[in-house]
Amino acid sequence: MVATDFFQFFLALLGTFLAYVAVGVLPDLADPDLGYPILMLRFLPAGLLGLVVASFFAAFMSTVSTQINRGAS
C-alpha cells in the first residue's frame, strides 16, 4: 500500500516537473497542451520516442478495450 502511494506521488511530481521544464524550455508556446509532445520530439532519440509513442497507443487500446468489455456486460 505504501509503495503504491509513493509511486503515485512520484508520478505526480514527474508530471509537474515536466510541465515546469516545458514552460522553461518553450516560453513562447501558444498551446500549452503541446508542451509534452514537443519536449518528446526535441529531446528523445528516435528509438525511445517510438517506445513512448507505442506505450501511449497501448494505454489507449487498453482503456478502449476495458470500456467495450464493461459495456458488453
Protein backbone atom coordinates (compact mmCIF):
# COMPACT_ATOMS: atom_id res chain seq x y z
CA MET A 1 0.00 0.00 0.00
CA VAL A 2 2.77 2.41 0.88
CA ALA A 3 4.70 1.55 -2.28
CA THR A 4 1.65 2.32 -4.42
CA ASP A 5 1.17 5.69 -2.70
CA PHE A 6 4.83 6.51 -3.20
CA PHE A 7 4.63 5.59 -6.89
CA GLN A 8 1.56 7.76 -7.45
CA PHE A 9 3.23 10.66 -5.66
CA PHE A 10 6.36 10.19 -7.78
CA LEU A 11 4.30 10.25 -11.00
CA ALA A 12 2.57 13.45 -9.89
CA LEU A 13 5.95 15.06 -9.18
CA LEU A 14 7.29 13.87 -12.52
CA GLY A 15 4.35 15.39 -14.38
CA THR A 16 4.75 18.68 -12.51
CA PHE A 17 8.48 18.71 -13.23
CA LEU A 18 7.88 18.14 -16.95
CA ALA A 19 5.33 20.96 -17.01
CA TYR A 20 7.88 23.36 -15.48
CA VAL A 21 10.54 22.19 -17.92
CA ALA A 22 8.15 22.81 -20.82
CA VAL A 23 7.48 26.34 -19.56
CA GLY A 24 11.20 26.98 -19.18
CA VAL A 25 12.32 25.48 -22.49
CA LEU A 26 9.36 26.68 -24.57
CA PRO A 27 8.35 30.07 -23.09
CA ASP A 28 6.55 31.25 -26.24
CA LEU A 29 4.39 28.14 -26.64
CA ALA A 30 0.94 29.13 -27.93
CA ASP A 31 -0.90 25.92 -26.95
CA PRO A 32 0.14 24.52 -23.54
CA ASP A 33 -1.27 21.11 -24.46
CA LEU A 34 1.55 20.70 -26.99
CA GLY A 35 4.31 21.13 -24.39
CA TYR A 36 4.81 17.44 -23.64
CA PRO A 37 4.78 16.24 -27.29
CA ILE A 38 7.18 18.98 -28.35
CA LEU A 39 9.54 18.09 -25.49
CA MET A 40 9.43 14.45 -26.59
CA LEU A 41 10.19 15.33 -30.20
CA ARG A 42 13.00 17.65 -29.23
CA PHE A 43 14.81 15.63 -26.55
CA LEU A 44 14.14 11.91 -27.06
CA PRO A 45 16.16 9.84 -29.53
CA ALA A 46 14.24 8.07 -32.29
CA GLY A 47 14.14 4.64 -30.65
CA LEU A 48 12.98 5.90 -27.27
CA LEU A 49 10.45 8.19 -28.91
CA GLY A 50 8.97 5.20 -30.74
CA LEU A 51 8.80 3.26 -27.48
CA VAL A 52 6.99 6.12 -25.73
CA VAL A 53 4.51 6.56 -28.59
CA ALA A 54 3.88 2.80 -28.63
CA SER A 55 3.22 2.87 -24.89
CA PHE A 56 0.70 5.69 -25.39
CA PHE A 57 -1.11 3.62 -28.02
CA ALA A 58 -1.04 0.57 -25.75
CA ALA A 59 -2.57 2.54 -22.88
CA PHE A 60 -5.25 3.92 -25.20
CA MET A 61 -6.09 0.48 -26.58
CA SER A 62 -6.27 -0.95 -23.06
CA THR A 63 -8.68 1.77 -21.97
CA VAL A 64 -10.90 1.28 -25.03
CA SER A 65 -10.89 -2.49 -24.52
CA THR A 66 -11.92 -2.07 -20.89
CA GLN A 67 -14.77 0.24 -21.80
CA ILE A 68 -16.03 -2.09 -24.53
CA ASN A 69 -15.85 -5.04 -22.13
CA ARG A 70 -17.70 -3.07 -19.47
CA GLY A 71 -20.39 -2.07 -21.95
CA ALA A 72 -20.87 -5.65 -23.13
CA SER A 73 -21.68 -6.97 -19.67
